Amino acid sequence: MTFTKHILFLGAALGLSVQPALAKSPIAEVLCEPTPRLHEKLKRQFGSKRAATGLRGPEQMMEVWTSDSGDWTMVVTYATGTSCIVAMGQDWYTHAEAKPARG
């Protein structure tokens, strides 16, 4: 077998072994959607609210969505009207900044 065929075979084998792991994610089938549809799914399916936003440039906005249970989802929203989930996790905690006492 040639080197190229070995690489193609190895790549195919690795790809097949990764598929079951991807299917375990509750939102694995949803990576990118039109922004209104993705936002609706985050609200309805996961009970999430947008907790924070920040610009990543003139064409992208980063969003963090959180739920009362502590789950969080990071979304990048593009100027084209598409949003994509880039990370998910649990145990989100917002740290309140201590304000100095007035007196």
C-alpha atoms as a PDB file:
ATOM      1  CA  MET A   1       0.000   0.000   0.000  1.00  0.00           C
ATOM      2  CA  THR A   2       1.335   3.464  -0.820  1.00  0.00           C
ATOM      3  CA  PHE A   3       1.884   6.130   1.795  1.00  0.00           C
ATOM      4  CA  THR A   4      -1.100   8.136   0.520  1.00  0.00           C
ATOM      5  CA  LYS A   5      -3.393   5.120   0.768  1.00  0.00           C
ATOM      6  CA  HIS A   6      -2.169   4.493   4.319  1.00  0.00           C
ATOM      7  CA  ILE A   7      -3.022   8.085   5.275  1.00  0.00           C
ATOM      8  CA  LEU A   8      -6.467   7.870   3.657  1.00  0.00           C
ATOM      9  CA  PHE A   9      -7.174   4.533   5.371  1.00  0.00           C
ATOM     10  CA  LEU A  10      -6.001   5.848   8.747  1.00  0.00           C
ATOM     11  CA  GLY A  11      -8.069   9.014   8.344  1.00  0.00           C
ATOM     12  CA  ALA A  12     -11.177   7.009   7.497  1.00  0.00           C
ATOM     13  CA  ALA A  13     -10.621   4.667  10.446  1.00  0.00           C
ATOM     14  CA  LEU A  14     -10.162   7.558  12.858  1.00  0.00           C
ATOM     15  CA  GLY A  15     -13.218   9.303  11.468  1.00  0.00           C
ATOM     16  CA  LEU A  16     -15.364   6.245  12.076  1.00  0.00           C
ATOM     17  CA  SER A  17     -14.101   5.884  15.636  1.00  0.00           C
ATOM     18  CA  VAL A  18     -14.942   9.517  16.462  1.00  0.00           C
ATOM     19  CA  GLN A  19     -18.569   9.418  15.281  1.00  0.00           C
ATOM     20  CA  PRO A  20     -20.072   7.699  18.365  1.00  0.00           C
ATOM     21  CA  ALA A  21     -18.448  10.269  20.657  1.00  0.00           C
ATOM     22  CA  LEU A  22     -19.979  13.149  18.705  1.00  0.00           C
ATOM     23  CA  ALA A  23     -23.471  11.679  18.888  1.00  0.00           C
ATOM     24  CA  LYS A  24     -23.515  11.910  22.698  1.00  0.00           C
ATOM     25  CA  SER A  25     -23.710  15.719  22.706  1.00  0.00           C
ATOM     26  CA  PRO A  26     -27.279  16.981  23.233  1.00  0.00           C
ATOM     27  CA  ILE A  27     -26.819  19.527  20.469  1.00  0.00           C
ATOM     28  CA  ALA A  28     -24.357  17.667  18.216  1.00  0.00           C
ATOM     29  CA  GLU A  29     -26.655  17.905  15.212  1.00  0.00           C
ATOM     30  CA  VAL A  30     -26.882  21.689  15.545  1.00  0.00           C
ATOM     31  CA  LEU A  31     -23.651  23.513  14.873  1.00  0.00           C
ATOM     32  CA  CYS A  32     -24.776  26.458  12.736  1.00  0.00           C
ATOM     33  CA  GLU A  33     -28.262  27.816  12.117  1.00  0.00           C
ATOM     34  CA  PRO A  34     -29.848  31.091  11.036  1.00  0.00           C
ATOM     35  CA  THR A  35     -29.496  33.338  14.097  1.00  0.00           C
ATOM     36  CA  PRO A  36     -33.204  33.616  15.024  1.00  0.00           C
ATOM     37  CA  ARG A  37     -33.646  29.827  14.819  1.00  0.00           C
ATOM     38  CA  LEU A  38     -30.563  29.091  16.960  1.00  0.00           C
ATOM     39  CA  HIS A  39     -31.569  31.688  19.559  1.00  0.00           C
ATOM     40  CA  GLU A  40     -35.061  30.166  19.740  1.00  0.00           C
ATOM     41  CA  LYS A  41     -33.612  26.675  20.253  1.00  0.00           C
ATOM     42  CA  LEU A  42     -31.344  27.903  23.037  1.00  0.00           C
ATOM     43  CA  LYS A  43     -34.311  29.520  24.785  1.00  0.00           C
ATOM     44  CA  ARG A  44     -36.868  26.754  24.239  1.00  0.00           C
ATOM     45  CA  GLN A  45     -34.790  23.558  24.413  1.00  0.00           C
ATOM     46  CA  PHE A  46     -32.232  24.566  27.008  1.00  0.00           C
ATOM     47  CA  GLY A  47     -33.940  27.356  28.951  1.00  0.00           C
ATOM     48  CA  SER A  48     -30.973  29.617  28.216  1.00  0.00           C
ATOM     49  CA  LYS A  49     -30.726  33.396  28.319  1.00  0.00           C
ATOM     50  CA  ARG A  50     -28.061  35.529  26.685  1.00  0.00           C
ATOM     51  CA  ALA A  51     -25.784  36.544  29.553  1.00  0.00           C
ATOM     52  CA  ALA A  52     -22.974  38.372  27.773  1.00  0.00           C
ATOM     53  CA  THR A  53     -21.921  39.644  24.352  1.00  0.00           C
ATOM     54  CA  GLY A  54     -18.769  41.088  22.884  1.00  0.00           C
ATOM     55  CA  LEU A  55     -17.597  42.102  19.430  1.00  0.00           C
ATOM     56  CA  ARG A  56     -14.903  40.010  17.829  1.00  0.00           C
ATOM     57  CA  GLY A  57     -14.544  42.366  14.884  1.00  0.00           C
ATOM     58  CA  PRO A  58     -16.836  44.149  12.456  1.00  0.00           C
ATOM     59  CA  GLU A  59     -18.351  40.857  11.237  1.00  0.00           C
ATOM     60  CA  GLN A  60     -18.638  38.709  14.407  1.00  0.00           C
ATOM     61  CA  MET A  61     -20.171  38.903  17.847  1.00  0.00           C
ATOM     62  CA  MET A  62     -19.463  36.407  20.638  1.00  0.00           C
ATOM     63  CA  GLU A  63     -22.361  35.486  22.917  1.00  0.00           C
ATOM     64  CA  VAL A  64     -22.530  33.496  26.126  1.00  0.00           C
ATOM     65  CA  TRP A  65     -25.886  31.887  26.881  1.00  0.00           C
ATOM     66  CA  THR A  66     -26.535  30.470  30.356  1.00  0.00           C
ATOM     67  CA  SER A  67     -29.312  28.545  32.043  1.00  0.00           C
ATOM     68  CA  ASP A  68     -30.455  28.519  35.668  1.00  0.00           C
ATOM     69  CA  SER A  69     -29.009  25.000  36.009  1.00  0.00           C
ATOM     70  CA  GLY A  70     -25.491  26.337  35.274  1.00  0.00           C
ATOM     71  CA  ASP A  71     -25.179  25.093  31.692  1.00  0.00           C
ATOM     72  CA  TRP A  72     -23.523  27.524  29.284  1.00  0.00           C
ATOM     73  CA  THR A  73     -23.179  27.811  25.515  1.00  0.00           C
ATOM     74  CA  MET A  74     -20.768  30.037  23.587  1.00  0.00           C
ATOM     75  CA  VAL A  75     -22.086  31.206  20.233  1.00  0.00           C
ATOM     76  CA  VAL A  76     -20.469  33.226  17.469  1.00  0.00           C
ATOM     77  CA  THR A  77     -22.945  35.294  15.458  1.00  0.00           C
ATOM     78  CA  TYR A  78     -21.902  36.446  12.005  1.00  0.00           C
ATOM     79  CA  ALA A  79     -23.060  39.548  10.153  1.00  0.00           C
ATOM     80  CA  THR A  80     -24.431  37.200   7.471  1.00  0.00           C
ATOM     81  CA  GLY A  81     -27.254  36.150   9.828  1.00  0.00           C
ATOM     82  CA  THR A  82     -25.812  32.785  10.830  1.00  0.00           C
ATOM     83  CA  SER A  83     -24.872  31.763  14.374  1.00  0.00           C
ATOM     84  CA  CYS A  84     -22.698  28.812  15.364  1.00  0.00           C
ATOM     85  CA  ILE A  85     -22.183  27.027  18.671  1.00  0.00           C
ATOM     86  CA  VAL A  86     -18.457  26.943  19.378  1.00  0.00           C
ATOM     87  CA  ALA A  87     -18.407  25.580  22.959  1.00  0.00           C
ATOM     88  CA  MET A  88     -20.707  24.208  25.645  1.00  0.00           C
ATOM     89  CA  GLY A  89     -20.214  23.366  29.290  1.00  0.00           C
ATOM     90  CA  GLN A  90     -21.658  23.325  32.763  1.00  0.00           C
ATOM     91  CA  ASP A  91     -21.236  24.944  36.181  1.00  0.00           C
ATOM     92  CA  TRP A  92     -21.308  28.539  34.899  1.00  0.00           C
ATOM     93  CA  TYR A  93     -20.841  31.037  37.688  1.00  0.00           C
ATOM     94  CA  THR A  94     -20.894  34.825  37.396  1.00  0.00           C
ATOM     95  CA  HIS A  95     -18.425  36.550  39.677  1.00  0.00           C
ATOM     96  CA  ALA A  96     -19.718  39.815  41.065  1.00  0.00           C
ATOM     97  CA  GLU A  97     -17.104  42.525  41.367  1.00  0.00           C
ATOM     98  CA  ALA A  98     -16.716  43.765  44.929  1.00  0.00           C
ATOM     99  CA  LYS A  99     -17.656  47.433  45.205  1.00  0.00           C
ATOM    100  CA  PRO A 100     -15.827  49.566  47.738  1.00  0.00           C
ATOM    101  CA  ALA A 101     -17.905  50.840  50.658  1.00  0.00           C
ATOM    102  CA  ARG A 102     -18.937  54.482  50.564  1.00  0.00           C
ATOM    103  CA  GLY A 103     -18.535  56.470  53.632  1.00  0.00           C
END
